[in-house]
């Protein structure tokens, strides 16, 4: 049975190798947002397991987003992203101790805004349209005249 699991993991890794890197970043944003929402549900339902597991997964995804930034690019936008990711990685673990839902709300808002920027500037998806099943994820945060360009956001 172990052989079957290894084979399944290998095939899954192959699929990710074939996905466009820009789509992978979008998937990371979507996954982080989803995990933040699930962590908030865990807090509201007084379910520490749900809160903790999803919070941990959100933190891991944000760490991966941070690691995906090209270290050779030192633009203002990339430095901003590094700082924002670092702030989220500092604040989110505090939720386990103080159960401050405002931290989760703020992280969700930032991630949705970054996802929308990624969709409109890098993937060139018109504002208001989304590749994700929930089209409301990227709306409502007022980012319109972004200074981000394809060249300034590198992975």
Protein backbone atom coordinates (compact mmCIF):
# COMPACT_ATOMS: atom_id res chain seq x y z
CA UNK A 1 0.00 0.00 0.00
CA UNK A 2 2.91 2.35 0.68
CA UNK A 3 4.01 1.93 -2.93
CA UNK A 4 0.61 3.19 -4.12
CA UNK A 5 0.86 6.30 -1.91
CA UNK A 6 4.34 7.08 -3.19
CA UNK A 7 3.19 6.69 -6.78
CA UNK A 8 0.18 8.93 -6.13
CA UNK A 9 2.44 11.60 -4.60
CA UNK A 10 4.82 11.38 -7.56
CA UNK A 11 2.00 11.90 -10.04
CA UNK A 12 0.65 14.80 -8.00
CA UNK A 13 4.11 16.44 -8.01
CA UNK A 14 4.33 15.98 -11.77
CA UNK A 15 1.05 17.82 -12.24
CA UNK A 16 2.34 20.78 -10.21
CA UNK A 17 5.55 20.84 -12.25
CA UNK A 18 3.47 21.34 -15.39
CA UNK A 19 1.35 24.22 -14.00
CA UNK A 20 2.23 27.77 -14.96
CA UNK A 21 4.17 29.42 -12.05
CA UNK A 22 1.78 32.39 -12.14
CA UNK A 23 -1.17 30.03 -11.66
CA UNK A 24 0.64 28.36 -8.74
CA UNK A 25 1.02 31.72 -6.99
CA UNK A 26 -2.69 32.35 -7.53
CA UNK A 27 -3.45 28.92 -6.05
CA UNK A 28 -1.30 29.78 -3.01
CA UNK A 29 -3.26 33.00 -2.45
CA UNK A 30 -6.54 31.10 -2.77
CA UNK A 31 -5.34 28.40 -0.38
CA UNK A 32 -4.15 30.91 2.22
CA UNK A 33 -7.45 32.79 2.09
CA UNK A 34 -9.41 29.54 2.43
CA UNK A 35 -7.34 28.44 5.44
CA UNK A 36 -7.76 31.82 7.16
CA UNK A 37 -11.54 31.54 6.69
CA UNK A 38 -11.52 28.00 8.12
CA UNK A 39 -9.40 29.15 11.07
CA UNK A 40 -11.93 31.92 11.78
CA UNK A 41 -14.74 29.35 11.65
CA UNK A 42 -12.79 27.24 14.14
CA UNK A 43 -12.57 30.21 16.50
CA UNK A 44 -16.28 31.00 16.15
CA UNK A 45 -17.17 27.33 16.73
CA UNK A 46 -14.78 27.05 19.70
CA UNK A 47 -12.94 24.28 17.82
CA UNK A 48 -9.24 24.63 18.64
CA UNK A 49 -8.31 21.76 16.33
CA UNK A 50 -9.94 23.39 13.30
CA UNK A 51 -8.47 26.77 14.23
CA UNK A 52 -4.97 25.41 14.82
CA UNK A 53 -4.71 23.14 11.79
CA UNK A 54 -5.93 25.78 9.39
CA UNK A 55 -3.91 28.55 10.98
CA UNK A 56 -0.79 26.40 10.63
CA UNK A 57 -1.55 25.69 6.98
CA UNK A 58 -2.17 29.40 6.27
CA UNK A 59 1.16 30.28 7.87
CA UNK A 60 2.93 27.62 5.79
CA UNK A 61 1.37 28.95 2.59
CA UNK A 62 2.34 32.54 3.39
CA UNK A 63 5.88 31.35 4.12
CA UNK A 64 5.90 29.69 0.68
CA UNK A 65 4.67 32.91 -0.95
CA UNK A 66 7.48 34.77 0.79
CA UNK A 67 10.03 32.17 -0.33
CA UNK A 68 8.79 32.47 -3.92
CA UNK A 69 9.99 36.08 -4.17
CA UNK A 70 13.15 36.49 -6.25
CA UNK A 71 15.99 37.53 -3.93
CA UNK A 72 17.77 39.25 -6.82
CA UNK A 73 14.98 41.79 -7.29
CA UNK A 74 15.11 44.72 -4.89
CA UNK A 75 12.21 46.88 -6.09
CA UNK A 76 9.93 48.81 -3.77
CA UNK A 77 7.07 46.42 -4.56
CA UNK A 78 9.04 43.29 -3.74
CA UNK A 79 10.34 44.86 -0.52
CA UNK A 80 6.76 45.77 0.38
CA UNK A 81 5.63 42.17 -0.20
CA UNK A 82 8.50 40.82 1.92
CA UNK A 83 7.53 43.17 4.73
CA UNK A 84 3.84 42.32 4.48
CA UNK A 85 4.51 38.58 4.47
CA UNK A 86 6.91 38.98 7.41
CA UNK A 87 4.27 40.93 9.35
CA UNK A 88 1.66 38.23 8.70
CA UNK A 89 4.13 35.52 9.68
CA UNK A 90 4.78 37.39 12.93
CA UNK A 91 1.15 38.18 13.77
CA UNK A 92 -0.70 35.00 12.75
CA UNK A 93 0.95 32.69 15.32
CA UNK A 94 -0.28 35.07 18.05
CA UNK A 95 -3.85 34.03 17.21
CA UNK A 96 -3.21 30.67 18.88
CA UNK A 97 -2.56 32.46 22.16
CA UNK A 98 -4.80 35.51 22.20
CA UNK A 99 -7.56 34.34 19.81
CA UNK A 100 -7.73 37.81 18.24
CA UNK A 101 -9.98 37.39 15.21
CA UNK A 102 -9.00 40.89 14.01
CA UNK A 103 -5.58 39.51 13.06
CA UNK A 104 -7.26 36.89 10.87
CA UNK A 105 -9.58 39.49 9.36
CA UNK A 106 -6.63 41.74 8.51
CA UNK A 107 -4.61 38.88 7.00
CA UNK A 108 -7.61 37.78 4.92
CA UNK A 109 -8.12 41.34 3.65
CA UNK A 110 -4.45 41.68 2.64
CA UNK A 111 -4.39 38.29 0.94
CA UNK A 112 -7.57 39.04 -1.02
CA UNK A 113 -6.12 42.35 -2.13
CA UNK A 114 -2.82 40.73 -3.17
CA UNK A 115 -4.73 38.01 -5.03
CA UNK A 116 -6.71 40.63 -6.93
CA UNK A 117 -3.53 42.53 -7.81
CA UNK A 118 -1.91 39.28 -8.97
CA UNK A 119 -4.91 38.41 -11.13
CA UNK A 120 -5.19 41.82 -12.78
CA UNK A 121 -1.52 42.71 -13.27
CA UNK A 122 0.33 39.45 -13.70
CA UNK A 123 -2.33 37.14 -15.10
CA UNK A 124 -4.13 39.99 -16.91
CA UNK A 125 -7.57 38.94 -15.76
CA UNK A 126 -9.96 41.92 -15.93
CA UNK A 127 -10.94 43.37 -12.56
CA UNK A 128 -14.08 41.71 -11.24
CA UNK A 129 -13.38 38.47 -13.10
CA UNK A 130 -11.67 35.64 -11.29
CA UNK A 131 -10.36 32.18 -12.03
CA UNK A 132 -11.37 31.01 -8.58
CA UNK A 133 -14.76 29.40 -7.92
CA UNK A 134 -15.73 32.16 -5.47
CA UNK A 135 -15.71 35.32 -7.57
CA UNK A 136 -16.18 37.51 -4.51
CA UNK A 137 -12.74 36.65 -3.11
CA UNK A 138 -10.92 39.37 -5.01
CA UNK A 139 -13.51 42.12 -4.87
CA UNK A 140 -14.33 44.92 -2.51
CA UNK A 141 -10.95 46.26 -1.52
CA UNK A 142 -10.62 49.23 -3.85
CA UNK A 143 -7.28 48.49 -5.49
CA UNK A 144 -7.56 49.96 -8.94
CA UNK A 145 -4.58 52.04 -10.03
CA UNK A 146 -1.88 49.65 -8.90
CA UNK A 147 1.78 50.43 -9.50
CA UNK A 148 2.55 46.73 -9.81
CA UNK A 149 3.69 45.49 -13.18
CA UNK A 150 4.66 42.13 -14.59
CA UNK A 151 8.33 43.07 -14.37
CA UNK A 152 8.20 44.27 -10.78
CA UNK A 153 6.56 41.13 -9.39
CA UNK A 154 8.86 38.21 -9.94
CA UNK A 155 8.83 34.73 -8.55
